[in-house]
Amino acid sequence: MITDTDLVPAVTDETFARDVLAAPGPVLVDFWAQWCPPCHMIAPVLAAIARERAGTLAVRSMDYDANPVTGARYRVLSLPTLLLFVGGEPIGSVVGAQPKARLLARIDDALTR
């Protein structure tokens, strides 16, 4: 059985450059924390997006508390924060839990600019 963690693999401060910045296509990174209720609310939405966009969009998660370096580098101040990277550069962000349709619209808008 495929789980949400299979669909949305975790990245760390140590693996971020390889798994996100050097990725060949767009990567959506979810900065979250265990204590954050909205982070848990958005997790199944992100898993559904990862399933639907497999092959065209990678979705990754980063535990902010366990990986403070990357969060600080990208000025993550609220959780959840979603950053969309293309070619190693952040091109869009969403703060807070959002419905799937709104997230997909924001992702698609950022990717077509």
N, C-alpha and C. Protein backbone atom coordinates (compact mmCIF):
# COMPACT_ATOMS: atom_id res chain seq x y z
N MET A 1 0.83 -1.18 0.00
CA MET A 1 0.00 0.00 0.00
C MET A 1 0.88 1.25 0.00
N ILE A 2 0.55 2.21 -0.83
CA ILE A 2 1.30 3.47 -0.89
C ILE A 2 0.77 4.40 0.19
N THR A 3 1.68 4.93 1.00
CA THR A 3 1.30 5.84 2.08
C THR A 3 1.60 7.28 1.69
N ASP A 4 1.08 8.22 2.50
CA ASP A 4 1.35 9.64 2.26
C ASP A 4 2.85 9.93 2.29
N THR A 5 3.59 9.25 3.18
CA THR A 5 5.03 9.49 3.25
C THR A 5 5.75 8.96 2.02
N ASP A 6 5.17 7.96 1.35
CA ASP A 6 5.74 7.50 0.08
C ASP A 6 5.50 8.54 -1.00
N LEU A 7 4.33 9.16 -0.99
CA LEU A 7 3.98 10.16 -2.01
C LEU A 7 4.68 11.49 -1.77
N VAL A 8 4.91 11.82 -0.50
CA VAL A 8 5.53 13.10 -0.13
C VAL A 8 6.74 12.79 0.76
N PRO A 9 7.86 12.41 0.14
CA PRO A 9 9.05 12.06 0.92
C PRO A 9 9.61 13.27 1.67
N ALA A 10 10.24 12.98 2.79
CA ALA A 10 10.85 14.03 3.60
C ALA A 10 12.22 14.41 3.04
N VAL A 11 12.54 15.69 3.17
CA VAL A 11 13.88 16.19 2.89
C VAL A 11 14.40 16.82 4.18
N THR A 12 15.71 16.94 4.26
CA THR A 12 16.37 17.50 5.44
C THR A 12 17.29 18.63 5.02
N ASP A 13 17.84 19.32 6.01
CA ASP A 13 18.84 20.35 5.69
C ASP A 13 19.96 19.75 4.84
N GLU A 14 20.34 18.49 5.15
CA GLU A 14 21.44 17.85 4.46
C GLU A 14 21.08 17.41 3.03
N THR A 15 19.83 17.06 2.78
CA THR A 15 19.45 16.55 1.46
C THR A 15 18.74 17.59 0.59
N PHE A 16 18.48 18.77 1.13
CA PHE A 16 17.70 19.78 0.41
C PHE A 16 18.32 20.17 -0.92
N ALA A 17 19.61 20.41 -0.95
CA ALA A 17 20.26 20.82 -2.21
C ALA A 17 20.10 19.75 -3.28
N ARG A 18 20.30 18.50 -2.92
CA ARG A 18 20.19 17.40 -3.88
C ARG A 18 18.74 17.15 -4.29
N ASP A 19 17.84 17.09 -3.32
CA ASP A 19 16.47 16.66 -3.59
C ASP A 19 15.55 17.77 -4.08
N VAL A 20 15.90 19.02 -3.82
CA VAL A 20 15.04 20.13 -4.22
C VAL A 20 15.75 21.04 -5.22
N LEU A 21 16.88 21.61 -4.81
CA LEU A 21 17.55 22.61 -5.65
C LEU A 21 18.08 22.01 -6.95
N ALA A 22 18.53 20.77 -6.93
CA ALA A 22 19.08 20.14 -8.13
C ALA A 22 18.06 19.28 -8.86
N ALA A 23 16.82 19.30 -8.43
CA ALA A 23 15.79 18.47 -9.07
C ALA A 23 15.56 18.92 -10.51
N PRO A 24 15.28 17.99 -11.41
CA PRO A 24 15.11 18.33 -12.82
C PRO A 24 13.80 19.06 -13.13
N GLY A 25 12.82 18.99 -12.27
CA GLY A 25 11.54 19.64 -12.52
C GLY A 25 11.09 20.43 -11.31
N PRO A 26 9.86 20.92 -11.34
CA PRO A 26 9.36 21.70 -10.21
C PRO A 26 9.19 20.83 -8.96
N VAL A 27 9.46 21.46 -7.81
CA VAL A 27 9.34 20.78 -6.52
C VAL A 27 8.56 21.68 -5.57
N LEU A 28 7.51 21.15 -4.98
CA LEU A 28 6.75 21.85 -3.96
C LEU A 28 7.19 21.32 -2.60
N VAL A 29 7.70 22.22 -1.74
CA VAL A 29 8.20 21.81 -0.43
C VAL A 29 7.24 22.32 0.65
N ASP A 30 6.79 21.40 1.47
CA ASP A 30 5.90 21.70 2.59
C ASP A 30 6.73 21.79 3.87
N PHE A 31 6.86 23.01 4.40
CA PHE A 31 7.51 23.20 5.70
C PHE A 31 6.43 23.05 6.76
N TRP A 32 6.60 22.09 7.67
CA TRP A 32 5.57 21.75 8.64
C TRP A 32 6.21 21.46 9.99
N ALA A 33 5.37 21.25 11.00
CA ALA A 33 5.83 20.84 12.32
C ALA A 33 4.79 19.92 12.95
N GLN A 34 5.25 19.03 13.80
CA GLN A 34 4.36 18.06 14.44
C GLN A 34 3.27 18.74 15.26
N TRP A 35 3.58 19.85 15.89
CA TRP A 35 2.65 20.54 16.78
C TRP A 35 1.63 21.42 16.05
N CYS A 36 1.69 21.47 14.73
CA CYS A 36 0.91 22.41 13.91
C CYS A 36 -0.35 21.74 13.34
N PRO A 37 -1.55 22.01 13.90
CA PRO A 37 -2.78 21.38 13.37
C PRO A 37 -3.03 21.67 11.89
N PRO A 38 -2.86 22.90 11.38
CA PRO A 38 -3.08 23.11 9.95
C PRO A 38 -2.11 22.30 9.07
N CYS A 39 -0.93 22.01 9.60
CA CYS A 39 0.03 21.19 8.86
C CYS A 39 -0.52 19.79 8.64
N HIS A 40 -1.17 19.25 9.67
CA HIS A 40 -1.76 17.91 9.55
C HIS A 40 -2.98 17.94 8.63
N MET A 41 -3.71 19.06 8.63
CA MET A 41 -4.89 19.19 7.77
C MET A 41 -4.50 19.19 6.29
N ILE A 42 -3.36 19.79 5.96
CA ILE A 42 -2.98 19.93 4.56
C ILE A 42 -2.24 18.69 4.03
N ALA A 43 -1.75 17.84 4.91
CA ALA A 43 -0.96 16.67 4.48
C ALA A 43 -1.71 15.78 3.49
N PRO A 44 -2.98 15.43 3.71
CA PRO A 44 -3.65 14.59 2.72
C PRO A 44 -3.90 15.30 1.39
N VAL A 45 -4.05 16.61 1.44
CA VAL A 45 -4.20 17.40 0.21
C VAL A 45 -2.92 17.32 -0.60
N LEU A 46 -1.78 17.46 0.07
CA LEU A 46 -0.49 17.39 -0.62
C LEU A 46 -0.23 16.00 -1.18
N ALA A 47 -0.65 14.98 -0.45
CA ALA A 47 -0.50 13.61 -0.96
C ALA A 47 -1.35 13.41 -2.22
N ALA A 48 -2.56 13.97 -2.22
CA ALA A 48 -3.42 13.86 -3.41
C ALA A 48 -2.80 14.60 -4.59
N ILE A 49 -2.24 15.77 -4.34
CA ILE A 49 -1.58 16.53 -5.41
C ILE A 49 -0.37 15.74 -5.93
N ALA A 50 0.41 15.16 -5.02
CA ALA A 50 1.57 14.37 -5.43
C ALA A 50 1.14 13.20 -6.30
N ARG A 51 0.04 12.57 -5.95
CA ARG A 51 -0.46 11.44 -6.73
C ARG A 51 -0.93 11.90 -8.11
N GLU A 52 -1.68 12.99 -8.15
CA GLU A 52 -2.23 13.49 -9.42
C GLU A 52 -1.17 14.07 -10.34
N ARG A 53 -0.16 14.68 -9.77
CA ARG A 53 0.87 15.35 -10.58
C ARG A 53 2.17 14.56 -10.67
N ALA A 54 2.12 13.29 -10.31
CA ALA A 54 3.32 12.44 -10.39
C ALA A 54 3.93 12.54 -11.79
N GLY A 55 5.21 12.75 -11.85
CA GLY A 55 5.90 12.87 -13.13
C GLY A 55 6.05 14.31 -13.61
N THR A 56 5.22 15.22 -13.08
CA THR A 56 5.33 16.63 -13.50
C THR A 56 5.62 17.57 -12.34
N LEU A 57 5.36 17.11 -11.10
CA LEU A 57 5.60 17.94 -9.91
C LEU A 57 6.01 17.02 -8.77
N ALA A 58 7.16 17.28 -8.19
CA ALA A 58 7.58 16.54 -7.01
C ALA A 58 7.09 17.30 -5.78
N VAL A 59 6.57 16.58 -4.80
CA VAL A 59 6.12 17.18 -3.55
C VAL A 59 6.97 16.58 -2.44
N ARG A 60 7.55 17.45 -1.63
CA ARG A 60 8.43 17.03 -0.54
C ARG A 60 7.99 17.71 0.74
N SER A 61 8.32 17.10 1.89
CA SER A 61 8.01 17.70 3.18
C SER A 61 9.29 17.92 3.96
N MET A 62 9.28 18.98 4.77
CA MET A 62 10.43 19.28 5.61
C MET A 62 9.95 19.65 7.00
N ASP A 63 10.34 18.86 7.99
CA ASP A 63 10.01 19.14 9.39
C ASP A 63 10.84 20.36 9.81
N TYR A 64 10.15 21.47 9.98
CA TYR A 64 10.82 22.74 10.27
C TYR A 64 11.62 22.68 11.57
N ASP A 65 11.07 22.07 12.60
CA ASP A 65 11.76 22.01 13.89
C ASP A 65 13.04 21.19 13.82
N ALA A 66 13.04 20.12 13.03
CA ALA A 66 14.21 19.26 12.92
C ALA A 66 15.23 19.79 11.91
N ASN A 67 14.82 20.74 11.06
CA ASN A 67 15.68 21.26 9.99
C ASN A 67 15.59 22.79 9.92
N PRO A 68 16.11 23.48 10.93
CA PRO A 68 15.94 24.93 11.01
C PRO A 68 16.77 25.73 10.01
N VAL A 69 17.83 25.16 9.49
CA VAL A 69 18.72 25.91 8.60
C VAL A 69 18.01 26.31 7.31
N THR A 70 17.36 25.35 6.67
CA THR A 70 16.70 25.63 5.39
C THR A 70 15.52 26.56 5.59
N GLY A 71 14.73 26.33 6.63
CA GLY A 71 13.60 27.22 6.91
C GLY A 71 14.05 28.65 7.13
N ALA A 72 15.13 28.84 7.85
CA ALA A 72 15.66 30.19 8.08
C ALA A 72 16.18 30.79 6.79
N ARG A 73 16.83 29.99 5.97
CA ARG A 73 17.39 30.50 4.70
C ARG A 73 16.29 31.07 3.81
N TYR A 74 15.11 30.42 3.82
CA TYR A 74 14.01 30.87 2.97
C TYR A 74 12.97 31.69 3.73
N ARG A 75 13.34 32.14 4.92
CA ARG A 75 12.52 33.02 5.75
C ARG A 75 11.12 32.47 6.00
N VAL A 76 11.06 31.20 6.33
CA VAL A 76 9.79 30.58 6.70
C VAL A 76 9.45 31.05 8.11
N LEU A 77 8.33 31.79 8.23
CA LEU A 77 7.95 32.37 9.51
C LEU A 77 6.65 31.78 10.06
N SER A 78 5.85 31.15 9.23
CA SER A 78 4.59 30.55 9.64
C SER A 78 4.50 29.15 9.06
N LEU A 79 3.75 28.31 9.74
CA LEU A 79 3.57 26.94 9.27
C LEU A 79 2.09 26.64 9.10
N PRO A 80 1.74 25.87 8.11
CA PRO A 80 2.61 25.39 7.05
C PRO A 80 2.93 26.49 6.04
N THR A 81 4.12 26.41 5.49
CA THR A 81 4.52 27.23 4.36
C THR A 81 4.90 26.29 3.23
N LEU A 82 4.36 26.55 2.06
CA LEU A 82 4.68 25.77 0.87
C LEU A 82 5.49 26.66 -0.06
N LEU A 83 6.66 26.18 -0.46
CA LEU A 83 7.49 26.90 -1.42
C LEU A 83 7.62 26.06 -2.68
N LEU A 84 7.42 26.70 -3.82
CA LEU A 84 7.54 26.03 -5.11
C LEU A 84 8.88 26.42 -5.74
N PHE A 85 9.70 25.42 -6.04
CA PHE A 85 11.03 25.63 -6.61
C PHE A 85 11.07 25.14 -8.05
N VAL A 86 11.70 25.92 -8.90
CA VAL A 86 11.98 25.52 -10.27
C VAL A 86 13.42 25.92 -10.57
N GLY A 87 14.21 24.99 -11.05
CA GLY A 87 15.61 25.30 -11.35
C GLY A 87 16.38 25.78 -10.15
N GLY A 88 16.02 25.30 -8.97
CA GLY A 88 16.73 25.66 -7.75
C GLY A 88 16.32 27.00 -7.15
N GLU A 89 15.35 27.66 -7.74
CA GLU A 89 14.90 28.97 -7.24
C GLU A 89 13.45 28.90 -6.79
N PRO A 90 13.12 29.56 -5.67
CA PRO A 90 11.72 29.62 -5.26
C PRO A 90 10.95 30.58 -6.17
N ILE A 91 9.84 30.10 -6.73
CA ILE A 91 9.07 30.96 -7.64
C ILE A 91 7.67 31.25 -7.12
N GLY A 92 7.30 30.64 -6.00
CA GLY A 92 5.98 30.89 -5.43
C GLY A 92 5.89 30.36 -4.03
N SER A 93 4.95 30.92 -3.26
CA SER A 93 4.76 30.44 -1.90
C SER A 93 3.29 30.55 -1.50
N VAL A 94 2.92 29.69 -0.58
CA VAL A 94 1.58 29.70 0.01
C VAL A 94 1.78 29.48 1.50
N VAL A 95 1.12 30.31 2.30
CA VAL A 95 1.20 30.17 3.76
C VAL A 95 -0.17 29.77 4.28
N GLY A 96 -0.19 28.72 5.09
CA GLY A 96 -1.44 28.26 5.68
C GLY A 96 -2.07 27.15 4.87
N ALA A 97 -2.98 26.44 5.52
CA ALA A 97 -3.70 25.35 4.86
C ALA A 97 -4.65 25.94 3.83
N GLN A 98 -4.70 25.33 2.67
CA GLN A 98 -5.54 25.79 1.56
C GLN A 98 -6.29 24.60 0.99
N PRO A 99 -7.46 24.83 0.40
CA PRO A 99 -8.13 23.75 -0.30
C PRO A 99 -7.32 23.33 -1.53
N LYS A 100 -7.50 22.09 -1.93
CA LYS A 100 -6.73 21.54 -3.05
C LYS A 100 -6.88 22.36 -4.32
N ALA A 101 -8.09 22.75 -4.66
CA ALA A 101 -8.31 23.52 -5.89
C ALA A 101 -7.53 24.84 -5.86
N ARG A 102 -7.52 25.50 -4.73
CA ARG A 102 -6.79 26.77 -4.62
C ARG A 102 -5.28 26.54 -4.72
N LEU A 103 -4.80 25.49 -4.09
CA LEU A 103 -3.37 25.18 -4.18
C LEU A 103 -2.95 24.88 -5.62
N LEU A 104 -3.74 24.06 -6.29
CA LEU A 104 -3.41 23.74 -7.68
C LEU A 104 -3.45 24.97 -8.56
N ALA A 105 -4.40 25.86 -8.33
CA ALA A 105 -4.46 27.10 -9.11
C ALA A 105 -3.22 27.95 -8.87
N ARG A 106 -2.78 28.05 -7.61
CA ARG A 106 -1.58 28.84 -7.29
C ARG A 106 -0.33 28.20 -7.91
N ILE A 107 -0.24 26.88 -7.86
CA ILE A 107 0.90 26.18 -8.45
C ILE A 107 0.92 26.39 -9.96
N ASP A 108 -0.22 26.18 -10.60
CA ASP A 108 -0.30 26.33 -12.05
C ASP A 108 0.01 27.76 -12.47
N ASP A 109 -0.48 28.73 -11.71
CA ASP A 109 -0.21 30.14 -12.02
C ASP A 109 1.29 30.43 -11.94
N ALA A 110 1.93 29.95 -10.89
CA ALA A 110 3.37 30.18 -10.74
C ALA A 110 4.17 29.50 -11.84
N LEU A 111 3.74 28.33 -12.25
CA LEU A 111 4.49 27.58 -13.26
C LEU A 111 4.30 28.14 -14.66
N THR A 112 3.25 28.91 -14.90
CA THR A 112 3.02 29.45 -16.24
C THR A 112 3.50 30.89 -16.40
N ARG A 113 4.06 31.44 -15.37
CA ARG A 113 4.60 32.80 -15.48
C ARG A 113 5.87 32.84 -16.26
